Amino acid sequence: MVTSGDLPGLDLPNLDSHSELGALGAVELAHPTQDIDGDGLPDTVTTNSDHAMHVWTDMDHDGYADHVTVVDSGGDYSAWEFHHHPDGSSEWVRTDEGRLGK
Protein backbone atom coordinates (compact mmCIF):
# COMPACT_ATOMS: atom_id res chain seq x y z
CA MET A 1 0.00 0.00 0.00
CA VAL A 2 1.26 3.46 -0.87
CA THR A 3 0.91 6.03 1.90
CA SER A 4 1.29 9.78 1.74
CA GLY A 5 4.46 9.37 3.79
CA ASP A 6 5.95 7.35 0.92
CA LEU A 7 5.16 10.14 -1.51
CA PRO A 8 6.33 13.45 -0.03
CA GLY A 9 3.50 15.90 -0.59
CA LEU A 10 1.98 13.23 -2.83
CA ASP A 11 4.47 14.45 -5.42
CA LEU A 12 4.21 11.77 -8.10
CA PRO A 13 6.65 13.01 -10.76
CA ASN A 14 6.01 10.11 -13.16
CA LEU A 15 2.21 10.40 -12.93
CA ASP A 16 0.55 12.21 -15.80
CA SER A 17 -2.78 11.97 -17.59
CA HIS A 18 -1.49 9.05 -19.69
CA SER A 19 -0.27 6.96 -16.73
CA GLU A 20 -1.95 3.72 -15.76
CA LEU A 21 -2.91 3.48 -12.09
CA GLY A 22 -4.54 0.05 -12.05
CA ALA A 23 -1.94 -1.56 -9.78
CA LEU A 24 -1.03 1.53 -7.72
CA GLY A 25 -3.03 0.38 -4.71
CA ALA A 26 -4.53 2.48 -1.93
CA VAL A 27 -3.11 5.96 -1.36
CA GLU A 28 -3.40 7.32 2.17
CA LEU A 29 -4.41 10.97 2.54
CA ALA A 30 -3.08 11.77 6.00
CA HIS A 31 -3.79 15.51 6.01
CA PRO A 32 -6.43 16.68 3.51
CA THR A 33 -6.49 20.47 3.22
CA GLN A 34 -9.54 21.29 1.08
CA ASP A 35 -13.26 20.53 1.38
CA ILE A 36 -14.27 19.73 -2.19
CA ASP A 37 -17.80 18.45 -1.42
CA GLY A 38 -18.82 21.28 0.90
CA ASP A 39 -19.63 19.14 3.96
CA GLY A 40 -17.27 21.08 6.22
CA LEU A 41 -14.66 18.27 6.44
CA PRO A 42 -11.32 18.47 4.61
CA ASP A 43 -11.21 15.65 2.05
CA THR A 44 -8.82 16.72 -0.71
CA VAL A 45 -5.13 17.30 -1.33
CA THR A 46 -3.89 19.14 -4.42
CA THR A 47 -0.26 18.69 -5.44
CA ASN A 48 1.89 19.70 -8.37
CA SER A 49 4.78 18.03 -10.13
CA ASP A 50 6.94 19.48 -12.88
CA HIS A 51 4.38 18.51 -15.52
CA ALA A 52 1.00 18.02 -13.86
CA MET A 53 -1.45 18.93 -11.10
CA HIS A 54 -2.97 16.08 -9.02
CA VAL A 55 -6.23 16.39 -7.07
CA TRP A 56 -6.64 13.49 -4.61
CA THR A 57 -10.03 13.19 -2.83
CA ASP A 58 -11.20 10.97 0.03
CA MET A 59 -14.94 10.94 -0.66
CA ASP A 60 -15.90 8.59 2.21
CA HIS A 61 -13.51 10.06 4.82
CA ASP A 62 -11.75 6.75 5.53
CA GLY A 63 -8.28 8.27 5.16
CA TYR A 64 -7.63 6.91 1.65
CA ALA A 65 -8.05 8.54 -1.76
CA ASP A 66 -11.15 7.40 -3.64
CA HIS A 67 -10.69 9.68 -6.62
CA VAL A 68 -7.79 11.40 -8.38
CA THR A 69 -7.78 13.82 -11.27
CA VAL A 70 -4.56 14.69 -13.09
CA VAL A 71 -4.19 17.66 -15.45
CA ASP A 72 -0.97 17.89 -17.47
CA SER A 73 0.71 21.17 -18.31
CA GLY A 74 -0.33 20.60 -21.95
CA GLY A 75 -4.04 20.37 -21.05
CA ASP A 76 -4.53 16.59 -21.13
CA TYR A 77 -6.48 15.24 -18.16
CA SER A 78 -7.58 11.93 -16.67
CA ALA A 79 -9.70 10.93 -13.70
CA TRP A 80 -9.65 7.66 -11.76
CA GLU A 81 -11.73 6.08 -8.99
CA PHE A 82 -10.44 3.50 -6.52
CA HIS A 83 -12.69 0.42 -6.63
CA HIS A 84 -12.99 -2.26 -3.92
CA HIS A 85 -14.21 -5.58 -5.33
CA PRO A 86 -16.25 -8.25 -3.47
CA ASP A 87 -13.33 -10.70 -3.70
CA GLY A 88 -11.17 -8.32 -1.63
CA SER A 89 -9.12 -7.02 -4.54
CA SER A 90 -8.95 -3.35 -5.47
CA GLU A 91 -7.82 -1.23 -8.38
CA TRP A 92 -7.83 2.25 -9.83
CA VAL A 93 -10.28 2.55 -12.77
CA ARG A 94 -10.04 5.40 -15.27
CA THR A 95 -13.40 7.19 -15.41
CA ASP A 96 -12.63 10.09 -17.74
CA GLU A 97 -9.92 11.48 -19.98
CA GLY A 98 -9.52 14.16 -22.58
CA ARG A 99 -8.02 17.52 -23.35
CA LEU A 100 -9.13 20.82 -21.85
CA GLY A 101 -10.71 23.09 -24.43
CA LYS A 102 -11.83 20.27 -26.75
PDB file of N, CA and C in Angstrom:
ATOM      1  N   MET A   1       0.843  -1.176   0.000  1.00  0.00           N
ATOM      2  CA  MET A   1       0.000   0.000   0.000  1.00  0.00           C
ATOM      3  C   MET A   1       0.886   1.236   0.000  1.00  0.00           C
ATOM      4  N   VAL A   2       0.555   2.194  -0.826  1.00  0.00           N
ATOM      5  CA  VAL A   2       1.259   3.463  -0.871  1.00  0.00           C
ATOM      6  C   VAL A   2       0.624   4.382   0.148  1.00  0.00           C
ATOM      7  N   THR A   3       1.441   5.049   0.954  1.00  0.00           N
ATOM      8  CA  THR A   3       0.913   6.031   1.903  1.00  0.00           C
ATOM      9  C   THR A   3       1.467   7.400   1.547  1.00  0.00           C
ATOM     10  N   SER A   4       0.815   8.442   2.044  1.00  0.00           N
ATOM     11  CA  SER A   4       1.285   9.783   1.741  1.00  0.00           C
ATOM     12  C   SER A   4       2.690  10.015   2.289  1.00  0.00           C
ATOM     13  N   GLY A   5       3.092   9.271   3.293  1.00  0.00           N
ATOM     14  CA  GLY A   5       4.459   9.369   3.791  1.00  0.00           C
ATOM     15  C   GLY A   5       5.480   8.831   2.802  1.00  0.00           C
ATOM     16  N   ASP A   6       5.064   7.897   1.952  1.00  0.00           N
ATOM     17  CA  ASP A   6       5.946   7.346   0.925  1.00  0.00           C
ATOM     18  C   ASP A   6       6.106   8.304  -0.242  1.00  0.00           C
ATOM     19  N   LEU A   7       5.179   9.217  -0.388  1.00  0.00           N
ATOM     20  CA  LEU A   7       5.156  10.139  -1.508  1.00  0.00           C
ATOM     21  C   LEU A   7       5.150  11.561  -0.948  1.00  0.00           C
ATOM     22  N   PRO A   8       6.292  12.131  -0.668  1.00  0.00           N
ATOM     23  CA  PRO A   8       6.333  13.446  -0.031  1.00  0.00           C
ATOM     24  C   PRO A   8       5.427  14.435  -0.743  1.00  0.00           C
ATOM     25  N   GLY A   9       4.457  14.967  -0.014  1.00  0.00           N
ATOM     26  CA  GLY A   9       3.504  15.901  -0.595  1.00  0.00           C
ATOM     27  C   GLY A   9       2.665  15.291  -1.696  1.00  0.00           C
ATOM     28  N   LEU A  10       2.623  13.953  -1.728  1.00  0.00           N
ATOM     29  CA  LEU A  10       1.980  13.229  -2.829  1.00  0.00           C
ATOM     30  C   LEU A  10       2.545  13.656  -4.168  1.00  0.00           C
ATOM     31  N   ASP A  11       3.813  14.046  -4.186  1.00  0.00           N
ATOM     32  CA  ASP A  11       4.472  14.445  -5.421  1.00  0.00           C
ATOM     33  C   ASP A  11       4.790  13.192  -6.223  1.00  0.00           C
ATOM     34  N   LEU A  12       4.026  12.949  -7.262  1.00  0.00           N
ATOM     35  CA  LEU A  12       4.211  11.767  -8.103  1.00  0.00           C
ATOM     36  C   LEU A  12       4.765  12.217  -9.450  1.00  0.00           C
ATOM     37  N   PRO A  13       6.074  12.403  -9.563  1.00  0.00           N
ATOM     38  CA  PRO A  13       6.647  13.012 -10.758  1.00  0.00           C
ATOM     39  C   PRO A  13       6.418  12.221 -12.041  1.00  0.00           C
ATOM     40  N   ASN A  14       6.229  10.914 -11.962  1.00  0.00           N
ATOM     41  CA  ASN A  14       6.014  10.111 -13.160  1.00  0.00           C
ATOM     42  C   ASN A  14       4.534   9.922 -13.491  1.00  0.00           C
ATOM     43  N   LEU A  15       3.642  10.530 -12.702  1.00  0.00           N
ATOM     44  CA  LEU A  15       2.206  10.399 -12.926  1.00  0.00           C
ATOM     45  C   LEU A  15       1.735  11.545 -13.806  1.00  0.00           C
ATOM     46  N   ASP A  16       1.158  11.203 -14.941  1.00  0.00           N
ATOM     47  CA  ASP A  16       0.551  12.206 -15.797  1.00  0.00           C
ATOM     48  C   ASP A  16      -0.772  11.658 -16.301  1.00  0.00           C
ATOM     49  N   SER A  17      -1.440  12.384 -17.158  1.00  0.00           N
ATOM     50  CA  SER A  17      -2.778  11.969 -17.593  1.00  0.00           C
ATOM     51  C   SER A  17      -2.762  10.699 -18.433  1.00  0.00           C
ATOM     52  N   HIS A  18      -1.590  10.270 -18.874  1.00  0.00           N
ATOM     53  CA  HIS A  18      -1.491   9.052 -19.685  1.00  0.00           C
ATOM     54  C   HIS A  18      -1.009   7.849 -18.871  1.00  0.00           C
ATOM     55  N   SER A  19      -0.747   8.050 -17.593  1.00  0.00           N
ATOM     56  CA  SER A  19      -0.272   6.964 -16.732  1.00  0.00           C
ATOM     57  C   SER A  19      -1.394   5.973 -16.457  1.00  0.00           C
ATOM     58  N   GLU A  20      -1.012   4.742 -16.202  1.00  0.00           N
ATOM     59  CA  GLU A  20      -1.951   3.719 -15.760  1.00  0.00           C
ATOM     60  C   GLU A  20      -1.820   3.564 -14.259  1.00  0.00           C
ATOM     61  N   LEU A  21      -2.937   3.586 -13.544  1.00  0.00           N
ATOM     62  CA  LEU A  21      -2.910   3.484 -12.089  1.00  0.00           C
ATOM     63  C   LEU A  21      -3.467   2.166 -11.579  1.00  0.00           C
ATOM     64  N   GLY A  22      -3.868   1.270 -12.451  1.00  0.00           N
ATOM     65  CA  GLY A  22      -4.544   0.051 -12.046  1.00  0.00           C
ATOM     66  C   GLY A  22      -3.926  -0.669 -10.873  1.00  0.00           C
ATOM     67  N   ALA A  23      -2.609  -0.799 -10.832  1.00  0.00           N
ATOM     68  CA  ALA A  23      -1.936  -1.557  -9.781  1.00  0.00           C
ATOM     69  C   ALA A  23      -1.323  -0.668  -8.698  1.00  0.00           C
ATOM     70  N   LEU A  24      -1.621   0.624  -8.696  1.00  0.00           N
ATOM     71  CA  LEU A  24      -1.030   1.532  -7.717  1.00  0.00           C
ATOM     72  C   LEU A  24      -1.387   1.162  -6.290  1.00  0.00           C
ATOM     73  N   GLY A  25      -2.597   0.715  -6.059  1.00  0.00           N
ATOM     74  CA  GLY A  25      -3.033   0.380  -4.707  1.00  0.00           C
ATOM     75  C   GLY A  25      -3.588   1.594  -3.992  1.00  0.00           C
ATOM     76  N   ALA A  26      -3.934   1.409  -2.728  1.00  0.00           N
ATOM     77  CA  ALA A  26      -4.531   2.478  -1.927  1.00  0.00           C
ATOM     78  C   ALA A  26      -3.505   3.573  -1.653  1.00  0.00           C
ATOM     79  N   VAL A  27      -3.964   4.809  -1.659  1.00  0.00           N
ATOM     80  CA  VAL A  27      -3.115   5.960  -1.363  1.00  0.00           C
ATOM     81  C   VAL A  27      -3.704   6.667  -0.153  1.00  0.00           C
ATOM     82  N   GLU A  28      -2.950   6.677   0.942  1.00  0.00           N
ATOM     83  CA  GLU A  28      -3.405   7.317   2.165  1.00  0.00           C
ATOM     84  C   GLU A  28      -3.331   8.836   2.030  1.00  0.00           C
ATOM     85  N   LEU A  29      -4.402   9.509   2.472  1.00  0.00           N
ATOM     86  CA  LEU A  29      -4.407  10.971   2.540  1.00  0.00           C
ATOM     87  C   LEU A  29      -4.405  11.357   4.016  1.00  0.00           C
ATOM     88  N   ALA A  30      -3.215  11.529   4.568  1.00  0.00           N
ATOM     89  CA  ALA A  30      -3.079  11.767   6.002  1.00  0.00           C
ATOM     90  C   ALA A  30      -3.593  13.133   6.435  1.00  0.00           C
ATOM     91  N   HIS A  31      -3.427  14.149   5.603  1.00  0.00           N
ATOM     92  CA  HIS A  31      -3.792  15.506   6.008  1.00  0.00           C
ATOM     93  C   HIS A  31      -4.471  16.267   4.874  1.00  0.00           C
ATOM     94  N   PRO A  32      -5.722  15.924   4.548  1.00  0.00           N
ATOM     95  CA  PRO A  32      -6.426  16.680   3.509  1.00  0.00           C
ATOM     96  C   PRO A  32      -6.529  18.154   3.916  1.00  0.00           C
ATOM     97  N   THR A  33      -6.495  19.034   2.930  1.00  0.00           N
ATOM     98  CA  THR A  33      -6.491  20.472   3.216  1.00  0.00           C
ATOM     99  C   THR A  33      -7.680  21.224   2.637  1.00  0.00           C
ATOM    100  N   GLN A  34      -8.401  20.627   1.693  1.00  0.00           N
ATOM    101  CA  GLN A  34      -9.544  21.294   1.082  1.00  0.00           C
ATOM    102  C   GLN A  34     -10.809  20.472   1.281  1.00  0.00           C
ATOM    103  N   ASP A  35     -11.941  21.174   1.279  1.00  0.00           N
ATOM    104  CA  ASP A  35     -13.256  20.532   1.384  1.00  0.00           C
ATOM    105  C   ASP A  35     -13.939  20.650   0.032  1.00  0.00           C
ATOM    106  N   ILE A  36     -13.776  19.639  -0.813  1.00  0.00           N
ATOM    107  CA  ILE A  36     -14.273  19.727  -2.185  1.00  0.00           C
ATOM    108  C   ILE A  36     -15.777  19.469  -2.299  1.00  0.00           C
ATOM    109  N   ASP A  37     -16.367  18.751  -1.321  1.00  0.00           N
ATOM    110  CA  ASP A  37     -17.796  18.445  -1.421  1.00  0.00           C
ATOM    111  C   ASP A  37     -18.673  19.353  -0.557  1.00  0.00           C
ATOM    112  N   GLY A  38     -18.058  20.290   0.159  1.00  0.00           N
ATOM    113  CA  GLY A  38     -18.820  21.279   0.904  1.00  0.00           C
ATOM    114  C   GLY A  38     -19.479  20.786   2.179  1.00  0.00           C
ATOM    115  N   ASP A  39     -19.017  19.654   2.730  1.00  0.00           N
ATOM    116  CA  ASP A  39     -19.633  19.138   3.955  1.00  0.00           C
ATOM    117  C   ASP A  39     -18.944  19.635   5.224  1.00  0.00           C
ATOM    118  N   GLY A  40     -17.957  20.515   5.071  1.00  0.00           N
ATOM    119  CA  GLY A  40     -17.266  21.081   6.220  1.00  0.00           C
ATOM    120  C   GLY A  40     -16.065  20.275   6.690  1.00  0.00           C
ATOM    121  N   LEU A  41     -15.798  19.116   6.066  1.00  0.00           N
ATOM    122  CA  LEU A  41     -14.662  18.272   6.438  1.00  0.00           C
ATOM    123  C   LEU A  41     -13.617  18.272   5.325  1.00  0.00           C
ATOM    124  N   PRO A  42     -12.356  18.546   5.645  1.00  0.00           N
ATOM    125  CA  PRO A  42     -11.317  18.472   4.614  1.00  0.00           C
ATOM    126  C   PRO A  42     -11.237  17.061   4.037  1.00  0.00           C
ATOM    127  N   ASP A  43     -11.214  16.953   2.703  1.00  0.00           N
ATOM    128  CA  ASP A  43     -11.211  15.646   2.050  1.00  0.00           C
ATOM    129  C   ASP A  43     -10.271  15.571   0.851  1.00  0.00           C
ATOM    130  N   THR A  44      -9.567  16.651   0.543  1.00  0.00           N
ATOM    131  CA  THR A  44      -8.825  16.725  -0.706  1.00  0.00           C
ATOM    132  C   THR A  44      -7.437  17.311  -0.504  1.00  0.00           C
ATOM    133  N   VAL A  45      -6.486  16.778  -1.278  1.00  0.00           N
ATOM    134  CA  VAL A  45      -5.128  17.301  -1.333  1.00  0.00           C
ATOM    135  C   VAL A  45      -4.823  17.588  -2.798  1.00  0.00           C
ATOM    136  N   THR A  46      -4.315  18.783  -3.074  1.00  0.00           N
ATOM    137  CA  THR A  46      -3.890  19.142  -4.423  1.00  0.00           C
ATOM    138  C   THR A  46      -2.384  19.309  -4.419  1.00  0.00           C
ATOM    139  N   THR A  47      -1.714  18.612  -5.336  1.00  0.00           N
ATOM    140  CA  THR A  47      -0.259  18.693  -5.439  1.00  0.00           C
ATOM    141  C   THR A  47       0.125  18.994  -6.876  1.00  0.00           C
ATOM    142  N   ASN A  48       1.365  19.398  -7.045  1.00  0.00           N
ATOM    143  CA  ASN A  48       1.895  19.697  -8.368  1.00  0.00           C
ATOM    144  C   ASN A  48       3.229  18.999  -8.548  1.00  0.00           C
ATOM    145  N   SER A  49       3.468  18.530  -9.757  1.00  0.00           N
ATOM    146  CA  SER A  49       4.783  18.030 -10.134  1.00  0.00           C
ATOM    147  C   SER A  49       5.301  18.974 -11.218  1.00  0.00           C
ATOM    148  N   ASP A  50       6.399  18.625 -11.816  1.00  0.00           N
ATOM    149  CA  ASP A  50       6.945  19.478 -12.879  1.00  0.00           C
ATOM    150  C   ASP A  50       6.012  19.579 -14.077  1.00  0.00           C
ATOM    151  N   HIS A  51       5.179  18.563 -14.293  1.00  0.00           N
ATOM    152  CA  HIS A  51       4.385  18.514 -15.520  1.00  0.00           C
ATOM    153  C   HIS A  51       2.890  18.351 -15.309  1.00  0.00           C
ATOM    154  N   ALA A  52       2.421  18.290 -14.055  1.00  0.00           N
ATOM    155  CA  ALA A  52       0.996  18.023 -13.857  1.00  0.00           C
ATOM    156  C   ALA A  52       0.522  18.493 -12.479  1.00  0.00           C
ATOM    157  N   MET A  53      -0.791  18.661 -12.374  1.00  0.00           N
ATOM    158  CA  MET A  53      -1.453  18.927 -11.104  1.00  0.00           C
ATOM    159  C   MET A  53      -2.269  17.684 -10.764  1.00  0.00           C
ATOM    160  N   HIS A  54      -2.247  17.269  -9.481  1.00  0.00           N
ATOM    161  CA  HIS A  54      -2.971  16.080  -9.019  1.00  0.00           C
ATOM    162  C   HIS A  54      -3.964  16.512  -7.952  1.00  0.00           C
ATOM    163  N   VAL A  55      -5.211  16.100  -8.079  1.00  0.00           N
ATOM    164  CA  VAL A  55      -6.231  16.393  -7.071  1.00  0.00           C
ATOM    165  C   VAL A  55      -6.719  15.056  -6.522  1.00  0.00           C
ATOM    166  N   TRP A  56      -6.313  14.743  -5.281  1.00  0.00           N
ATOM    167  CA  TRP A  56      -6.642  13.487  -4.608  1.00  0.00           C
ATOM    168  C   TRP A  56      -7.776  13.732  -3.631  1.00  0.00           C
ATOM    169  N   THR A  57      -8.868  12.960  -3.698  1.00  0.00           N
ATOM    170  CA  THR A  57     -10.027  13.186  -2.827  1.00  0.00           C
ATOM    171  C   THR A  57     -10.427  11.901  -2.108  1.00  0.00           C
ATOM    172  N   ASP A  58     -10.706  12.049  -0.813  1.00  0.00           N
ATOM    173  CA  ASP A  58     -11.196  10.966   0.035  1.00  0.00           C
ATOM    174  C   ASP A  58     -12.692  11.200   0.243  1.00  0.00           C
ATOM    175  N   MET A  59     -13.499  10.672  -0.649  1.00  0.00           N
ATOM    176  CA  MET A  59     -14.941  10.941  -0.657  1.00  0.00           C
ATOM    177  C   MET A  59     -15.676  10.361   0.553  1.00  0.00           C
ATOM    178  N   ASP A  60     -15.205   9.228   1.097  1.00  0.00           N
ATOM    179  CA  ASP A  60     -15.904   8.586   2.212  1.00  0.00           C
ATOM    180  C   ASP A  60     -15.216   8.808   3.563  1.00  0.00           C
ATOM    181  N   HIS A  61     -14.209   9.663   3.591  1.00  0.00           N
ATOM    182  CA  HIS A  61     -13.513  10.058   4.821  1.00  0.00           C
ATOM    183  C   HIS A  61     -12.927   8.875   5.600  1.00  0.00           C
ATOM    184  N   ASP A  62     -12.389   7.880   4.854  1.00  0.00           N
ATOM    185  CA  ASP A  62     -11.750   6.750   5.529  1.00  0.00           C
ATOM    186  C   ASP A  62     -10.229   6.896   5.597  1.00  0.00           C
ATOM    187  N   GLY A  63      -9.709   8.024   5.117  1.00  0.00           N
ATOM    188  CA  GLY A  63      -8.275   8.273   5.157  1.00  0.00           C
ATOM    189  C   GLY A  63      -7.533   7.878   3.896  1.00  0.00           C
ATOM    190  N   TYR A  64      -8.257   7.349   2.895  1.00  0.00           N
ATOM    191  CA  TYR A  64      -7.633   6.914   1.653  1.00  0.00           C
ATOM    192  C   TYR A  64      -8.309   7.579   0.452  1.00  0.00           C
ATOM    193  N   ALA A  65      -7.520   7.902  -0.554  1.00  0.00           N
ATOM    194  CA  ALA A  65      -8.054   8.540  -1.759  1.00  0.00           C
ATOM    195  C   ALA A  65      -9.016   7.599  -2.474  1.00  0.00           C
ATOM    196  N   ASP A  66     -10.163   8.138  -2.851  1.00  0.00           N
ATOM    197  CA  ASP A  66     -11.154   7.396  -3.638  1.00  0.00           C
ATOM    198  C   ASP A  66     -11.175   7.882  -5.078  1.00  0.00           C
ATOM    199  N   HIS A  67     -10.626   9.061  -5.307  1.00  0.00           N
ATOM    200  CA  HIS A  67     -10.687   9.683  -6.619  1.00  0.00           C
ATOM    201  C   HIS A  67      -9.433  10.517  -6.825  1.00  0.00           C
ATOM    202  N   VAL A  68      -8.897  10.508  -8.025  1.00  0.00           N
ATOM    203  CA  VAL A  68      -7.792  11.405  -8.378  1.00  0.00           C
ATOM    204  C   VAL A  68      -8.022  11.922  -9.782  1.00  0.00           C
ATOM    205  N   THR A  69      -7.757  13.201  -9.955  1.00  0.00           N
ATOM    206  CA  THR A  69      -7.776  13.825 -11.275  1.00  0.00           C
ATOM    207  C   THR A  69      -6.396  14.404 -11.518  1.00  0.00           C
ATOM    208  N   VAL A  70      -5.868  14.180 -12.706  1.00  0.00           N
ATOM    209  CA  VAL A  70      -4.558  14.694 -13.088  1.00  0.00           C
ATOM    210  C   VAL A  70      -4.738  15.547 -14.328  1.00  0.00           C
ATOM    211  N   VAL A  71      -4.176  16.762 -14.295  1.00  0.00           N
ATOM    212  CA  VAL A  71      -4.192  17.656 -15.446  1.00  0.00           C
ATOM    213  C   VAL A  71      -2.746  17.983 -15.781  1.00  0.00           C
ATOM    214  N   ASP A  72      -2.327  17.622 -17.012  1.00  0.00           N
ATOM    215  CA  ASP A  72      -0.970  17.891 -17.473  1.00  0.00           C
ATOM    216  C   ASP A  72      -0.820  19.347 -17.865  1.00  0.00           C
ATOM    217  N   SER A  73       0.420  19.796 -17.912  1.00  0.00           N
ATOM    218  CA  SER A  73       0.708  21.173 -18.311  1.00  0.00           C
ATOM    219  C   SER A  73       0.255  21.452 -19.744  1.00  0.00           C
ATOM    220  N   GLY A  74       0.133  20.427 -20.570  1.00  0.00           N
ATOM    221  CA  GLY A  74      -0.334  20.597 -21.946  1.00  0.00           C
ATOM    222  C   GLY A  74      -1.838  20.586 -22.097  1.00  0.00           C
ATOM    223  N   GLY A  75      -2.586  20.358 -21.001  1.00  0.00           N
ATOM    224  CA  GLY A  75      -4.045  20.373 -21.047  1.00  0.00           C
ATOM    225  C   GLY A  75      -4.709  19.011 -21.088  1.00  0.00           C
ATOM    226  N   ASP A  76      -3.929  17.931 -21.194  1.00  0.00           N
ATOM    227  CA  ASP A  76      -4.526  16.590 -21.132  1.00  0.00           C
ATOM    228  C   ASP A  76      -4.928  16.298 -19.688  1.00  0.00           C
ATOM    229  N   TYR A  77      -6.038  15.586 -19.508  1.00  0.00           N
ATOM    230  CA  TYR A  77      -6.478  15.240 -18.158  1.00  0.00           C
ATOM    231  C   TYR A  77      -6.996  13.809 -18.129  1.00  0.00           C
ATOM    232  N   SER A  78      -6.983  13.243 -16.927  1.00  0.00           N
ATOM    233  CA  SER A  78      -7.579  11.930 -16.670  1.00  0.00           C
ATOM    234  C   SER A  78      -8.104  11.920 -15.247  1.00  0.00           C
ATOM    235  N   ALA A  79      -9.132  11.108 -15.026  1.00  0.00           N
ATOM    236  CA  ALA A  79      -9.703  10.933 -13.696  1.00  0.00           C
ATOM    237  C   ALA A  79      -9.820   9.444 -13.423  1.00  0.00           C
ATOM    238  N   TRP A  80      -9.565   9.052 -12.173  1.00  0.00           N
ATOM    239  CA  TRP A  80      -9.653   7.663 -11.759  1.00  0.00           C
ATOM    240  C   TRP A  80     -10.433   7.562 -10.460  1.00  0.00           C
ATOM    241  N   GLU A  81     -11.078   6.415 -10.254  1.00  0.00           N
ATOM    242  CA  GLU A  81     -11.727   6.076  -8.986  1.00  0.00           C
ATOM    243  C   GLU A  81     -11.101   4.791  -8.469  1.00  0.00           C
ATOM    244  N   PHE A  82     -10.973   4.706  -7.145  1.00  0.00           N
ATOM    245  CA  PHE A  82     -10.436   3.500  -6.520  1.00  0.00           C
ATOM    246  C   PHE A  82     -11.598   2.577  -6.196  1.00  0.00           C
ATOM    247  N   HIS A  83     -11.595   1.378  -6.790  1.00  0.00           N
ATOM    248  CA  HIS A  83     -12.687   0.418  -6.628  1.00  0.00           C
ATOM    249  C   HIS A  83     -12.260  -0.729  -5.722  1.00  0.00           C
ATOM    250  N   HIS A  84     -13.145  -1.075  -4.773  1.00  0.00           N
ATOM    251  CA  HIS A  84     -12.986  -2.256  -3.923  1.00  0.00           C
ATOM    252  C   HIS A  84     -13.933  -3.323  -4.455  1.00  0.00           C
ATOM    253  N   HIS A  85     -13.408  -4.504  -4.763  1.00  0.00           N
ATOM    254  CA  HIS A  85     -14.208  -5.582  -5.333  1.00  0.00           C
ATOM    255  C   HIS A  85     -14.628  -6.575  -4.238  1.00  0.00           C
ATOM    256  N   PRO A  86     -15.751  -7.290  -4.458  1.00  0.00           N
ATOM    257  CA  PRO A  86     -16.249  -8.253  -3.466  1.00  0.00           C
ATOM    258  C   PRO A  86     -15.234  -9.334  -3.087  1.00  0.00           C
ATOM    259  N   ASP A  87     -14.317  -9.665  -4.001  1.00  0.00           N
ATOM    260  CA  ASP A  87     -13.328 -10.704  -3.698  1.00  0.00           C
ATOM    261  C   ASP A  87     -12.158 -10.189  -2.858  1.00  0.00           C
ATOM    262  N   GLY A  88     -12.219  -8.903  -2.460  1.00  0.00           N
ATOM    263  CA  GLY A  88     -11.171  -8.318  -1.634  1.00  0.00           C
ATOM    264  C   GLY A  88     -10.094  -7.589  -2.420  1.00  0.00           C
ATOM    265  N   SER A  89     -10.108  -7.725  -3.730  1.00  0.00           N
ATOM    266  CA  SER A  89      -9.122  -7.019  -4.539  1.00  0.00           C
ATOM    267  C   SER A  89      -9.562  -5.563  -4.739  1.00  0.00           C
ATOM    268  N   SER A  90      -8.639  -4.752  -5.205  1.00  0.00           N
ATOM    269  CA  SER A  90      -8.954  -3.353  -5.474  1.00  0.00           C
ATOM    270  C   SER A  90      -8.110  -2.880  -6.642  1.00  0.00           C
ATOM    271  N   GLU A  91      -8.554  -1.793  -7.260  1.00  0.00           N
ATOM    272  CA  GLU A  91      -7.819  -1.231  -8.384  1.00  0.00           C
ATOM    273  C   GLU A  91      -8.306   0.175  -8.670  1.00  0.00           C
ATOM    274  N   TRP A  92      -7.452   0.949  -9.320  1.00  0.00           N
ATOM    275  CA  TRP A  92      -7.833   2.253  -9.833  1.00  0.00           C
ATOM    276  C   TRP A  92      -8.419   2.063 -11.230  1.00  0.00           C
ATOM    277  N   VAL A  93      -9.590   2.665 -11.476  1.00  0.00           N
ATOM    278  CA  VAL A  93     -10.277   2.551 -12.766  1.00  0.00           C
ATOM    279  C   VAL A  93     -10.407   3.942 -13.361  1.00  0.00           C
ATOM    280  N   ARG A  94      -9.917   4.108 -14.581  1.00  0.00           N
ATOM    281  CA  ARG A  94     -10.037   5.400 -15.265  1.00  0.00           C
ATOM    282  C   ARG A  94     -11.501   5.654 -15.575  1.00  0.00           C
ATOM    283  N   THR A  95     -12.001   6.835 -15.191  1.00  0.00           N
ATOM    284  CA  THR A  95     -13.398   7.187 -15.406  1.00  0.00           C
ATOM    285  C   THR A  95     -13.593   8.283 -16.442  1.00  0.00           C
ATOM    286  N   ASP A  96     -12.517   9.006 -16.766  1.00  0.00           N
ATOM    287  CA  ASP A  96     -12.629  10.088 -17.743  1.00  0.00           C
ATOM    288  C   ASP A  96     -11.226  10.445 -18.229  1.00  0.00           C
ATOM    289  N   GLU A  97     -11.166  10.977 -19.423  1.00  0.00           N
ATOM    290  CA  GLU A  97      -9.918  11.479 -19.977  1.00  0.00           C
ATOM    291  C   GLU A  97     -10.224  12.378 -21.154  1.00  0.00           C
ATOM    292  N   GLY A  98      -9.316  13.267 -21.456  1.00  0.00           N
ATOM    293  CA  GLY A  98      -9.525  14.161 -22.584  1.00  0.00           C
ATOM    294  C   GLY A  98      -8.500  15.278 -22.591  1.00  0.00           C
ATOM    295  N   ARG A  99      -8.871  16.348 -23.252  1.00  0.00           N
ATOM    296  CA  ARG A  99      -8.015  17.523 -23.347  1.00  0.00           C
ATOM    297  C   ARG A  99      -8.869  18.751 -23.062  1.00  0.00           C
ATOM    298  N   LEU A 100      -8.399  19.608 -22.183  1.00  0.00           N
ATOM    299  CA  LEU A 100      -9.131  20.817 -21.853  1.00  0.00           C
ATOM    300  C   LEU A 100      -9.285  21.679 -23.108  1.00  0.00           C
ATOM    301  N   GLY A 101     -10.455  22.230 -23.285  1.00  0.00           N
ATOM    302  CA  GLY A 101     -10.713  23.093 -24.429  1.00  0.00           C
ATOM    303  C   GLY A 101     -11.173  22.356 -25.670  1.00  0.00           C
ATOM    304  N   LYS A 102     -11.353  21.038 -25.579  1.00  0.00           N
ATOM    305  CA  LYS A 102     -11.828  20.266 -26.747  1.00  0.00           C
ATOM    306  C   LYS A 102     -13.077  19.520 -26.415  1.00  0.00           C
TER     307      LYS A 102
END
